[in-house]
Every structure is written in structure tokens, then in C-alpha cells.
Amino acid sequence: HITLKDEIQHLLEQYHDDGKEPPAMAKGMSWLKTNVKLVLNESDQT
């Protein structure tokens, strides 16, 4: 993913664009879901 991110950044720079951060709400919800599920069941399956 990091390698591909670098490719994306290179292409965006050609268009003089800074890219986009993930929406804060999506990031927050993902973090919350992850942490709640892992508190309830910290396993590789989870």
C-alpha cells in the first residue's frame, strides 16, 4: 500500500494536487469499531 501510495503521490504532483485524506468520520468509525471489537475479543480471527 505504501509503495502504491508513492505512485499515487507522483501522479498527483503532475497535476499539482495534494491528494485527499480519508474522511474523518470514516477514519473515526473504523478506529472505534476496531478497538471495540478487539476489546471484546482480541484474536487473530477478529
ModelCIF file with pLDDT and N, C-alpha, C, O atoms, coordinates in Angstrom:
data_MODEL
#
_entry.id   MODEL 
#
_entity.id                         1 
_entity.type                       polymer 
_entity.pdbx_number_of_molecules   1 
#
_entity_poly.entity_id                      1 
_entity_poly.type                           'polypeptide(L)' 
_entity_poly.nstd_linkage                   no 
_entity_poly.nstd_monomer                   no 
_entity_poly.pdbx_seq_one_letter_code       HITLKDEIQHLLEQYHDDGKEPPAMAKGMSWLKTNVKLVLNESDQT 
_entity_poly.pdbx_seq_one_letter_code_can   HITLKDEIQHLLEQYHDDGKEPPAMAKGMSWLKTNVKLVLNESDQT 
_entity_poly.pdbx_strand_id                 A 
#
loop_
_entity_poly_seq.entity_id 
_entity_poly_seq.num 
_entity_poly_seq.mon_id 
_entity_poly_seq.hetero 
1 1  HIS n 
1 2  ILE n 
1 3  THR n 
1 4  LEU n 
1 5  LYS n 
1 6  ASP n 
1 7  GLU n 
1 8  ILE n 
1 9  GLN n 
1 10 HIS n 
1 11 LEU n 
1 12 LEU n 
1 13 GLU n 
1 14 GLN n 
1 15 TYR n 
1 16 HIS n 
1 17 ASP n 
1 18 ASP n 
1 19 GLY n 
1 20 LYS n 
1 21 GLU n 
1 22 PRO n 
1 23 PRO n 
1 24 ALA n 
1 25 MET n 
1 26 ALA n 
1 27 LYS n 
1 28 GLY n 
1 29 MET n 
1 30 SER n 
1 31 TRP n 
1 32 LEU n 
1 33 LYS n 
1 34 THR n 
1 35 ASN n 
1 36 VAL n 
1 37 LYS n 
1 38 LEU n 
1 39 VAL n 
1 40 LEU n 
1 41 ASN n 
1 42 GLU n 
1 43 SER n 
1 44 ASP n 
1 45 GLN n 
1 46 THR n 
#
_struct_asym.id          A 
_struct_asym.entity_id   1 
#
loop_
_ma_qa_metric.id 
_ma_qa_metric.mode 
_ma_qa_metric.name 
_ma_qa_metric.software_group_id 
_ma_qa_metric.type 
1 global pLDDT . pLDDT 
2 local  pLDDT . pLDDT 
#
_ma_qa_metric_global.metric_id      1 
_ma_qa_metric_global.metric_value   85.24 
_ma_qa_metric_global.model_id       1 
_ma_qa_metric_global.ordinal_id     1 
#
loop_
_ma_qa_metric_local.label_asym_id 
_ma_qa_metric_local.label_comp_id 
_ma_qa_metric_local.label_seq_id 
_ma_qa_metric_local.metric_id 
_ma_qa_metric_local.metric_value 
_ma_qa_metric_local.model_id 
_ma_qa_metric_local.ordinal_id 
A HIS 1  2 98.00 1 1  
A ILE 2  2 98.00 1 2  
A THR 3  2 97.00 1 3  
A LEU 4  2 97.00 1 4  
A LYS 5  2 97.00 1 5  
A ASP 6  2 97.00 1 6  
A GLU 7  2 96.00 1 7  
A ILE 8  2 97.00 1 8  
A GLN 9  2 97.00 1 9  
A HIS 10 2 95.00 1 10 
A LEU 11 2 95.00 1 11 
A LEU 12 2 95.00 1 12 
A GLU 13 2 95.00 1 13 
A GLN 14 2 93.00 1 14 
A TYR 15 2 91.00 1 15 
A HIS 16 2 92.00 1 16 
A ASP 17 2 91.00 1 17 
A ASP 18 2 88.00 1 18 
A GLY 19 2 89.00 1 19 
A LYS 20 2 88.00 1 20 
A GLU 21 2 84.00 1 21 
A PRO 22 2 79.00 1 22 
A PRO 23 2 74.00 1 23 
A ALA 24 2 75.00 1 24 
A MET 25 2 73.00 1 25 
A ALA 26 2 76.00 1 26 
A LYS 27 2 74.00 1 27 
A GLY 28 2 73.00 1 28 
A MET 29 2 74.00 1 29 
A SER 30 2 77.00 1 30 
A TRP 31 2 72.00 1 31 
A LEU 32 2 71.00 1 32 
A LYS 33 2 77.00 1 33 
A THR 34 2 77.00 1 34 
A ASN 35 2 70.00 1 35 
A VAL 36 2 73.00 1 36 
A LYS 37 2 77.00 1 37 
A LEU 38 2 72.00 1 38 
A VAL 39 2 73.00 1 39 
A LEU 40 2 74.00 1 40 
A ASN 41 2 81.00 1 41 
A GLU 42 2 85.00 1 42 
A SER 43 2 92.00 1 43 
A ASP 44 2 94.00 1 44 
A GLN 45 2 95.00 1 45 
A THR 46 2 93.00 1 46 
#
loop_
_atom_site.group_PDB 
_atom_site.id 
_atom_site.type_symbol 
_atom_site.label_atom_id 
_atom_site.label_alt_id 
_atom_site.label_comp_id 
_atom_site.label_asym_id 
_atom_site.label_entity_id 
_atom_site.label_seq_id 
_atom_site.pdbx_PDB_ins_code 
_atom_site.Cartn_x 
_atom_site.Cartn_y 
_atom_site.Cartn_z 
_atom_site.occupancy 
_atom_site.B_iso_or_equiv 
_atom_site.pdbx_formal_charge 
_atom_site.auth_seq_id 
_atom_site.auth_comp_id 
_atom_site.auth_asym_id 
_atom_site.auth_atom_id 
_atom_site.pdbx_PDB_model_num 
ATOM 1   N N  . HIS A 1 1  ? 0.839   -1.204  0.000   1.00 98.00 ? 1  HIS A N  1 
ATOM 2   C CA . HIS A 1 1  ? 0.000   0.000   0.000   1.00 98.00 ? 1  HIS A CA 1 
ATOM 3   C C  . HIS A 1 1  ? 0.877   1.258   0.000   1.00 98.00 ? 1  HIS A C  1 
ATOM 4   O O  . HIS A 1 1  ? 0.574   2.230   -0.692  1.00 98.00 ? 1  HIS A O  1 
ATOM 5   N N  . ILE A 1 2  ? 1.951   1.235   0.771   1.00 98.00 ? 2  ILE A N  1 
ATOM 6   C CA . ILE A 1 2  ? 2.839   2.400   0.836   1.00 98.00 ? 2  ILE A CA 1 
ATOM 7   C C  . ILE A 1 2  ? 3.518   2.628   -0.513  1.00 98.00 ? 2  ILE A C  1 
ATOM 8   O O  . ILE A 1 2  ? 3.663   3.769   -0.952  1.00 98.00 ? 2  ILE A O  1 
ATOM 9   N N  . THR A 1 3  ? 3.930   1.553   -1.164  1.00 97.00 ? 3  THR A N  1 
ATOM 10  C CA . THR A 1 3  ? 4.529   1.675   -2.499  1.00 97.00 ? 3  THR A CA 1 
ATOM 11  C C  . THR A 1 3  ? 3.533   2.289   -3.478  1.00 97.00 ? 3  THR A C  1 
ATOM 12  O O  . THR A 1 3  ? 3.884   3.175   -4.257  1.00 97.00 ? 3  THR A O  1 
ATOM 13  N N  . LEU A 1 4  ? 2.291   1.814   -3.434  1.00 97.00 ? 4  LEU A N  1 
ATOM 14  C CA . LEU A 1 4  ? 1.264   2.356   -4.327  1.00 97.00 ? 4  LEU A CA 1 
ATOM 15  C C  . LEU A 1 4  ? 0.949   3.808   -3.964  1.00 97.00 ? 4  LEU A C  1 
ATOM 16  O O  . LEU A 1 4  ? 0.694   4.628   -4.846  1.00 97.00 ? 4  LEU A O  1 
ATOM 17  N N  . LYS A 1 5  ? 0.965   4.122   -2.686  1.00 97.00 ? 5  LYS A N  1 
ATOM 18  C CA . LYS A 1 5  ? 0.734   5.498   -2.235  1.00 97.00 ? 5  LYS A CA 1 
ATOM 19  C C  . LYS A 1 5  ? 1.764   6.434   -2.863  1.00 97.00 ? 5  LYS A C  1 
ATOM 20  O O  . LYS A 1 5  ? 1.426   7.542   -3.280  1.00 97.00 ? 5  LYS A O  1 
ATOM 21  N N  . ASP A 1 6  ? 3.007   5.994   -2.930  1.00 97.00 ? 6  ASP A N  1 
ATOM 22  C CA . ASP A 1 6  ? 4.057   6.799   -3.552  1.00 97.00 ? 6  ASP A CA 1 
ATOM 23  C C  . ASP A 1 6  ? 3.783   7.016   -5.040  1.00 97.00 ? 6  ASP A C  1 
ATOM 24  O O  . ASP A 1 6  ? 4.002   8.109   -5.562  1.00 97.00 ? 6  ASP A O  1 
ATOM 25  N N  . GLU A 1 7  ? 3.306   5.980   -5.717  1.00 96.00 ? 7  GLU A N  1 
ATOM 26  C CA . GLU A 1 7  ? 2.939   6.114   -7.132  1.00 96.00 ? 7  GLU A CA 1 
ATOM 27  C C  . GLU A 1 7  ? 1.812   7.126   -7.306  1.00 96.00 ? 7  GLU A C  1 
ATOM 28  O O  . GLU A 1 7  ? 1.842   7.960   -8.211  1.00 96.00 ? 7  GLU A O  1 
ATOM 29  N N  . ILE A 1 8  ? 0.826   7.039   -6.432  1.00 97.00 ? 8  ILE A N  1 
ATOM 30  C CA . ILE A 1 8  ? -0.317  7.960   -6.489  1.00 97.00 ? 8  ILE A CA 1 
ATOM 31  C C  . ILE A 1 8  ? 0.165   9.389   -6.269  1.00 97.00 ? 8  ILE A C  1 
ATOM 32  O O  . ILE A 1 8  ? -0.235  10.300  -6.994  1.00 97.00 ? 8  ILE A O  1 
ATOM 33  N N  . GLN A 1 9  ? 1.021   9.587   -5.272  1.00 97.00 ? 9  GLN A N  1 
ATOM 34  C CA . GLN A 1 9  ? 1.545   10.930  -4.985  1.00 97.00 ? 9  GLN A CA 1 
ATOM 35  C C  . GLN A 1 9  ? 2.294   11.495  -6.183  1.00 97.00 ? 9  GLN A C  1 
ATOM 36  O O  . GLN A 1 9  ? 2.167   12.675  -6.507  1.00 97.00 ? 9  GLN A O  1 
ATOM 37  N N  . HIS A 1 10 ? 3.074   10.646  -6.833  1.00 95.00 ? 10 HIS A N  1 
ATOM 38  C CA . HIS A 1 10 ? 3.824   11.090  -8.021  1.00 95.00 ? 10 HIS A CA 1 
ATOM 39  C C  . HIS A 1 10 ? 2.863   11.574  -9.108  1.00 95.00 ? 10 HIS A C  1 
ATOM 40  O O  . HIS A 1 10 ? 3.084   12.624  -9.713  1.00 95.00 ? 10 HIS A O  1 
ATOM 41  N N  . LEU A 1 11 ? 1.808   10.815  -9.352  1.00 95.00 ? 11 LEU A N  1 
ATOM 42  C CA . LEU A 1 11 ? 0.834   11.224  -10.378 1.00 95.00 ? 11 LEU A CA 1 
ATOM 43  C C  . LEU A 1 11 ? 0.092   12.487  -9.965  1.00 95.00 ? 11 LEU A C  1 
ATOM 44  O O  . LEU A 1 11 ? -0.138  13.372  -10.789 1.00 95.00 ? 11 LEU A O  1 
ATOM 45  N N  . LEU A 1 12 ? -0.283  12.571  -8.697  1.00 95.00 ? 12 LEU A N  1 
ATOM 46  C CA . LEU A 1 12 ? -0.985  13.774  -8.223  1.00 95.00 ? 12 LEU A CA 1 
ATOM 47  C C  . LEU A 1 12 ? -0.103  15.015  -8.361  1.00 95.00 ? 12 LEU A C  1 
ATOM 48  O O  . LEU A 1 12 ? -0.592  16.089  -8.712  1.00 95.00 ? 12 LEU A O  1 
ATOM 49  N N  . GLU A 1 13 ? 1.184   14.872  -8.090  1.00 95.00 ? 13 GLU A N  1 
ATOM 50  C CA . GLU A 1 13 ? 2.108   16.002  -8.228  1.00 95.00 ? 13 GLU A CA 1 
ATOM 51  C C  . GLU A 1 13 ? 2.151   16.520  -9.665  1.00 95.00 ? 13 GLU A C  1 
ATOM 52  O O  . GLU A 1 13 ? 2.331   17.716  -9.896  1.00 95.00 ? 13 GLU A O  1 
ATOM 53  N N  . GLN A 1 14 ? 1.986   15.620  -10.618 1.00 93.00 ? 14 GLN A N  1 
ATOM 54  C CA . GLN A 1 14 ? 1.972   16.047  -12.023 1.00 93.00 ? 14 GLN A CA 1 
ATOM 55  C C  . GLN A 1 14 ? 0.782   16.957  -12.315 1.00 93.00 ? 14 GLN A C  1 
ATOM 56  O O  . GLN A 1 14 ? 0.830   17.783  -13.226 1.00 93.00 ? 14 GLN A O  1 
ATOM 57  N N  . TYR A 1 15 ? -0.283  16.799  -11.534 1.00 91.00 ? 15 TYR A N  1 
ATOM 58  C CA . TYR A 1 15 ? -1.477  17.642  -11.691 1.00 91.00 ? 15 TYR A CA 1 
ATOM 59  C C  . TYR A 1 15 ? -1.516  18.754  -10.641 1.00 91.00 ? 15 TYR A C  1 
ATOM 60  O O  . TYR A 1 15 ? -2.525  19.444  -10.493 1.00 91.00 ? 15 TYR A O  1 
ATOM 61  N N  . HIS A 1 16 ? -0.407  18.921  -9.916  1.00 92.00 ? 16 HIS A N  1 
ATOM 62  C CA . HIS A 1 16 ? -0.305  19.947  -8.871  1.00 92.00 ? 16 HIS A CA 1 
ATOM 63  C C  . HIS A 1 16 ? -1.429  19.811  -7.849  1.00 92.00 ? 16 HIS A C  1 
ATOM 64  O O  . HIS A 1 16 ? -2.065  20.793  -7.467  1.00 92.00 ? 16 HIS A O  1 
ATOM 65  N N  . ASP A 1 17 ? -1.661  18.570  -7.416  1.00 91.00 ? 17 ASP A N  1 
ATOM 66  C CA . ASP A 1 17 ? -2.726  18.285  -6.456  1.00 91.00 ? 17 ASP A CA 1 
ATOM 67  C C  . ASP A 1 17 ? -2.120  17.602  -5.229  1.00 91.00 ? 17 ASP A C  1 
ATOM 68  O O  . ASP A 1 17 ? -1.188  16.807  -5.344  1.00 91.00 ? 17 ASP A O  1 
ATOM 69  N N  . ASP A 1 18 ? -2.658  17.921  -4.066  1.00 88.00 ? 18 ASP A N  1 
ATOM 70  C CA . ASP A 1 18 ? -2.142  17.376  -2.804  1.00 88.00 ? 18 ASP A CA 1 
ATOM 71  C C  . ASP A 1 18 ? -2.776  16.056  -2.402  1.00 88.00 ? 18 ASP A C  1 
ATOM 72  O O  . ASP A 1 18 ? -2.356  15.453  -1.414  1.00 88.00 ? 18 ASP A O  1 
ATOM 73  N N  . GLY A 1 19 ? -3.763  15.596  -3.132  1.00 89.00 ? 19 GLY A N  1 
ATOM 74  C CA . GLY A 1 19 ? -4.427  14.349  -2.783  1.00 89.00 ? 19 GLY A CA 1 
ATOM 75  C C  . GLY A 1 19 ? -5.571  14.570  -1.824  1.00 89.00 ? 19 GLY A C  1 
ATOM 76  O O  . GLY A 1 19 ? -6.121  15.667  -1.724  1.00 89.00 ? 19 GLY A O  1 
ATOM 77  N N  . LYS A 1 20 ? -5.921  13.506  -1.120  1.00 88.00 ? 20 LYS A N  1 
ATOM 78  C CA . LYS A 1 20 ? -7.089  13.559  -0.248  1.00 88.00 ? 20 LYS A CA 1 
ATOM 79  C C  . LYS A 1 20 ? -6.859  12.678  0.968   1.00 88.00 ? 20 LYS A C  1 
ATOM 80  O O  . LYS A 1 20 ? -6.370  11.554  0.860   1.00 88.00 ? 20 LYS A O  1 
ATOM 81  N N  . GLU A 1 21 ? -7.217  13.204  2.109   1.00 84.00 ? 21 GLU A N  1 
ATOM 82  C CA . GLU A 1 21 ? -7.197  12.415  3.338   1.00 84.00 ? 21 GLU A CA 1 
ATOM 83  C C  . GLU A 1 21 ? -8.508  11.638  3.430   1.00 84.00 ? 21 GLU A C  1 
ATOM 84  O O  . GLU A 1 21 ? -9.534  12.090  2.924   1.00 84.00 ? 21 GLU A O  1 
ATOM 85  N N  . PRO A 1 22 ? -8.478  10.484  4.067   1.00 79.00 ? 22 PRO A N  1 
ATOM 86  C CA . PRO A 1 22 ? -9.738  9.764   4.275   1.00 79.00 ? 22 PRO A CA 1 
ATOM 87  C C  . PRO A 1 22 ? -10.687 10.643  5.098   1.00 79.00 ? 22 PRO A C  1 
ATOM 88  O O  . PRO A 1 22 ? -10.234 11.405  5.952   1.00 79.00 ? 22 PRO A O  1 
ATOM 89  N N  . PRO A 1 23 ? -11.980 10.545  4.851   1.00 74.00 ? 23 PRO A N  1 
ATOM 90  C CA . PRO A 1 23 ? -12.919 11.346  5.647   1.00 74.00 ? 23 PRO A CA 1 
ATOM 91  C C  . PRO A 1 23 ? -12.743 11.058  7.142   1.00 74.00 ? 23 PRO A C  1 
ATOM 92  O O  . PRO A 1 23 ? -12.609 9.905   7.552   1.00 74.00 ? 23 PRO A O  1 
ATOM 93  N N  . ALA A 1 24 ? -12.746 12.110  7.935   1.00 75.00 ? 24 ALA A N  1 
ATOM 94  C CA . ALA A 1 24 ? -12.520 11.978  9.376   1.00 75.00 ? 24 ALA A CA 1 
ATOM 95  C C  . ALA A 1 24 ? -13.549 11.040  10.014  1.00 75.00 ? 24 ALA A C  1 
ATOM 96  O O  . ALA A 1 24 ? -13.216 10.255  10.901  1.00 75.00 ? 24 ALA A O  1 
ATOM 97  N N  . MET A 1 25 ? -14.787 11.129  9.560   1.00 73.00 ? 25 MET A N  1 
ATOM 98  C CA . MET A 1 25 ? -15.843 10.283  10.128  1.00 73.00 ? 25 MET A CA 1 
ATOM 99  C C  . MET A 1 25 ? -15.565 8.812   9.830   1.00 73.00 ? 25 MET A C  1 
ATOM 100 O O  . MET A 1 25 ? -15.726 7.961   10.705  1.00 73.00 ? 25 MET A O  1 
ATOM 101 N N  . ALA A 1 26 ? -15.154 8.512   8.613   1.00 76.00 ? 26 ALA A N  1 
ATOM 102 C CA . ALA A 1 26 ? -14.855 7.120   8.245   1.00 76.00 ? 26 ALA A CA 1 
ATOM 103 C C  . ALA A 1 26 ? -13.661 6.612   9.042   1.00 76.00 ? 26 ALA A C  1 
ATOM 104 O O  . ALA A 1 26 ? -13.671 5.478   9.521   1.00 76.00 ? 26 ALA A O  1 
ATOM 105 N N  . LYS A 1 27 ? -12.642 7.433   9.186   1.00 74.00 ? 27 LYS A N  1 
ATOM 106 C CA . LYS A 1 27 ? -11.462 7.039   9.951   1.00 74.00 ? 27 LYS A CA 1 
ATOM 107 C C  . LYS A 1 27 ? -11.814 6.805   11.415  1.00 74.00 ? 27 LYS A C  1 
ATOM 108 O O  . LYS A 1 27 ? -11.378 5.830   12.027  1.00 74.00 ? 27 LYS A O  1 
ATOM 109 N N  . GLY A 1 28 ? -12.609 7.716   11.962  1.00 73.00 ? 28 GLY A N  1 
ATOM 110 C CA . GLY A 1 28 ? -13.015 7.597   13.360  1.00 73.00 ? 28 GLY A CA 1 
ATOM 111 C C  . GLY A 1 28 ? -13.876 6.378   13.615  1.00 73.00 ? 28 GLY A C  1 
ATOM 112 O O  . GLY A 1 28 ? -13.691 5.670   14.605  1.00 73.00 ? 28 GLY A O  1 
ATOM 113 N N  . MET A 1 29 ? -14.809 6.139   12.725  1.00 74.00 ? 29 MET A N  1 
ATOM 114 C CA . MET A 1 29 ? -15.684 4.973   12.881  1.00 74.00 ? 29 MET A CA 1 
ATOM 115 C C  . MET A 1 29 ? -14.892 3.676   12.742  1.00 74.00 ? 29 MET A C  1 
ATOM 116 O O  . MET A 1 29 ? -15.143 2.716   13.471  1.00 74.00 ? 29 MET A O  1 
ATOM 117 N N  . SER A 1 30 ? -13.957 3.642   11.832  1.00 77.00 ? 30 SER A N  1 
ATOM 118 C CA . SER A 1 30 ? -13.121 2.458   11.648  1.00 77.00 ? 30 SER A CA 1 
ATOM 119 C C  . SER A 1 30 ? -12.293 2.201   12.904  1.00 77.00 ? 30 SER A C  1 
ATOM 120 O O  . SER A 1 30 ? -12.208 1.068   13.376  1.00 77.00 ? 30 SER A O  1 
ATOM 121 N N  . TRP A 1 31 ? -11.684 3.254   13.441  1.00 72.00 ? 31 TRP A N  1 
ATOM 122 C CA . TRP A 1 31 ? -10.872 3.118   14.649  1.00 72.00 ? 31 TRP A CA 1 
ATOM 123 C C  . TRP A 1 31 ? -11.727 2.634   15.817  1.00 72.00 ? 31 TRP A C  1 
ATOM 124 O O  . TRP A 1 31 ? -11.318 1.754   16.575  1.00 72.00 ? 31 TRP A O  1 
ATOM 125 N N  . LEU A 1 32 ? -12.917 3.217   15.954  1.00 71.00 ? 32 LEU A N  1 
ATOM 126 C CA . LEU A 1 32 ? -13.812 2.847   17.046  1.00 71.00 ? 32 LEU A CA 1 
ATOM 127 C C  . LEU A 1 32 ? -14.249 1.385   16.923  1.00 71.00 ? 32 LEU A C  1 
ATOM 128 O O  . LEU A 1 32 ? -14.191 0.631   17.894  1.00 71.00 ? 32 LEU A O  1 
ATOM 129 N N  . LYS A 1 33 ? -14.683 0.995   15.729  1.00 77.00 ? 33 LYS A N  1 
ATOM 130 C CA . LYS A 1 33 ? -15.117 -0.389  15.501  1.00 77.00 ? 33 LYS A CA 1 
ATOM 131 C C  . LYS A 1 33 ? -13.976 -1.362  15.805  1.00 77.00 ? 33 LYS A C  1 
ATOM 132 O O  . LYS A 1 33 ? -14.177 -2.384  16.462  1.00 77.00 ? 33 LYS A O  1 
ATOM 133 N N  . THR A 1 34 ? -12.794 -1.037  15.326  1.00 77.00 ? 34 THR A N  1 
ATOM 134 C CA . THR A 1 34 ? -11.635 -1.897  15.548  1.00 77.00 ? 34 THR A CA 1 
ATOM 135 C C  . THR A 1 34 ? -11.355 -2.055  17.034  1.00 77.00 ? 34 THR A C  1 
ATOM 136 O O  . THR A 1 34 ? -11.191 -3.170  17.527  1.00 77.00 ? 34 THR A O  1 
ATOM 137 N N  . ASN A 1 35 ? -11.303 -0.956  17.731  1.00 70.00 ? 35 ASN A N  1 
ATOM 138 C CA . ASN A 1 35 ? -10.950 -1.018  19.152  1.00 70.00 ? 35 ASN A CA 1 
ATOM 139 C C  . ASN A 1 35 ? -12.024 -1.676  19.999  1.00 70.00 ? 35 ASN A C  1 
ATOM 140 O O  . ASN A 1 35 ? -11.702 -2.407  20.936  1.00 70.00 ? 35 ASN A O  1 
ATOM 141 N N  . VAL A 1 36 ? -13.289 -1.437  19.694  1.00 73.00 ? 36 VAL A N  1 
ATOM 142 C CA . VAL A 1 36 ? -14.367 -2.088  20.445  1.00 73.00 ? 36 VAL A CA 1 
ATOM 143 C C  . VAL A 1 36 ? -14.322 -3.598  20.221  1.00 73.00 ? 36 VAL A C  1 
ATOM 144 O O  . VAL A 1 36 ? -14.402 -4.375  21.172  1.00 73.00 ? 36 VAL A O  1 
ATOM 145 N N  . LYS A 1 37 ? -14.195 -4.010  18.959  1.00 77.00 ? 37 LYS A N  1 
ATOM 146 C CA . LYS A 1 37 ? -14.159 -5.447  18.669  1.00 77.00 ? 37 LYS A CA 1 
ATOM 147 C C  . LYS A 1 37 ? -12.951 -6.123  19.302  1.00 77.00 ? 37 LYS A C  1 
ATOM 148 O O  . LYS A 1 37 ? -13.047 -7.249  19.791  1.00 77.00 ? 37 LYS A O  1 
ATOM 149 N N  . LEU A 1 38 ? -11.814 -5.434  19.293  1.00 72.00 ? 38 LEU A N  1 
ATOM 150 C CA . LEU A 1 38 ? -10.616 -6.038  19.868  1.00 72.00 ? 38 LEU A CA 1 
ATOM 151 C C  . LEU A 1 38 ? -10.674 -6.090  21.393  1.00 72.00 ? 38 LEU A C  1 
ATOM 152 O O  . LEU A 1 38 ? -10.100 -6.997  21.996  1.00 72.00 ? 38 LEU A O  1 
ATOM 153 N N  . VAL A 1 39 ? -11.351 -5.142  22.022  1.00 73.00 ? 39 VAL A N  1 
ATOM 154 C CA . VAL A 1 39 ? -11.527 -5.200  23.475  1.00 73.00 ? 39 VAL A CA 1 
ATOM 155 C C  . VAL A 1 39 ? -12.413 -6.389  23.837  1.00 73.00 ? 39 VAL A C  1 
ATOM 156 O O  . VAL A 1 39 ? -12.172 -7.079  24.827  1.00 73.00 ? 39 VAL A O  1 
ATOM 157 N N  . LEU A 1 40 ? -13.441 -6.617  23.023  1.00 74.00 ? 40 LEU A N  1 
ATOM 158 C CA . LEU A 1 40 ? -14.358 -7.723  23.283  1.00 74.00 ? 40 LEU A CA 1 
ATOM 159 C C  . LEU A 1 40 ? -13.744 -9.083  22.964  1.00 74.00 ? 40 LEU A C  1 
ATOM 160 O O  . LEU A 1 40 ? -14.029 -10.076 23.633  1.00 74.00 ? 40 LEU A O  1 
ATOM 161 N N  . ASN A 1 41 ? -12.903 -9.117  21.938  1.00 81.00 ? 41 ASN A N  1 
ATOM 162 C CA . ASN A 1 41 ? -12.321 -10.392 21.524  1.00 81.00 ? 41 ASN A CA 1 
ATOM 163 C C  . ASN A 1 41 ? -11.009 -10.127 20.784  1.00 81.00 ? 41 ASN A C  1 
ATOM 164 O O  . ASN A 1 41 ? -10.988 -9.981  19.562  1.00 81.00 ? 41 ASN A O  1 
ATOM 165 N N  . GLU A 1 42 ? -9.928  -10.071 21.540  1.00 85.00 ? 42 GLU A N  1 
ATOM 166 C CA . GLU A 1 42 ? -8.617  -9.808  20.949  1.00 85.00 ? 42 GLU A CA 1 
ATOM 167 C C  . GLU A 1 42 ? -8.056  -11.107 20.384  1.00 85.00 ? 42 GLU A C  1 
ATOM 168 O O  . GLU A 1 42 ? -7.338  -11.843 21.062  1.00 85.00 ? 42 GLU A O  1 
ATOM 169 N N  . SER A 1 43 ? -8.403  -11.371 19.113  1.00 92.00 ? 43 SER A N  1 
ATOM 170 C CA . SER A 1 43 ? -7.934  -12.595 18.477  1.00 92.00 ? 43 SER A CA 1 
ATOM 171 C C  . SER A 1 43 ? -7.577  -12.332 17.020  1.00 92.00 ? 43 SER A C  1 
ATOM 172 O O  . SER A 1 43 ? -8.003  -11.343 16.423  1.00 92.00 ? 43 SER A O  1 
ATOM 173 N N  . ASP A 1 44 ? -6.794  -13.233 16.473  1.00 94.00 ? 44 ASP A N  1 
ATOM 174 C CA . ASP A 1 44 ? -6.443  -13.128 15.056  1.00 94.00 ? 44 ASP A CA 1 
ATOM 175 C C  . ASP A 1 44 ? -7.684  -13.263 14.177  1.00 94.00 ? 44 ASP A C  1 
ATOM 176 O O  . ASP A 1 44 ? -7.758  -12.664 13.104  1.00 94.00 ? 44 ASP A O  1 
ATOM 177 N N  . GLN A 1 45 ? -8.647  -14.042 14.630  1.00 95.00 ? 45 GLN A N  1 
ATOM 178 C CA . GLN A 1 45 ? -9.891  -14.195 13.875  1.00 95.00 ? 45 GLN A CA 1 
ATOM 179 C C  . GLN A 1 45 ? -10.628 -12.860 13.790  1.00 95.00 ? 45 GLN A C  1 
ATOM 180 O O  . GLN A 1 45 ? -11.139 -12.505 12.728  1.00 95.00 ? 45 GLN A O  1 
ATOM 181 N N  . THR A 1 46 ? -10.687 -12.123 14.890  1.00 93.00 ? 46 THR A N  1 
ATOM 182 C CA . THR A 1 46 ? -11.335 -10.812 14.897  1.00 93.00 ? 46 THR A CA 1 
ATOM 183 C C  . THR A 1 46 ? -10.608 -9.859  13.961  1.00 93.00 ? 46 THR A C  1 
ATOM 184 O O  . THR A 1 46 ? -11.004 -8.701  13.829  1.00 93.00 ? 46 THR A O  1 
#
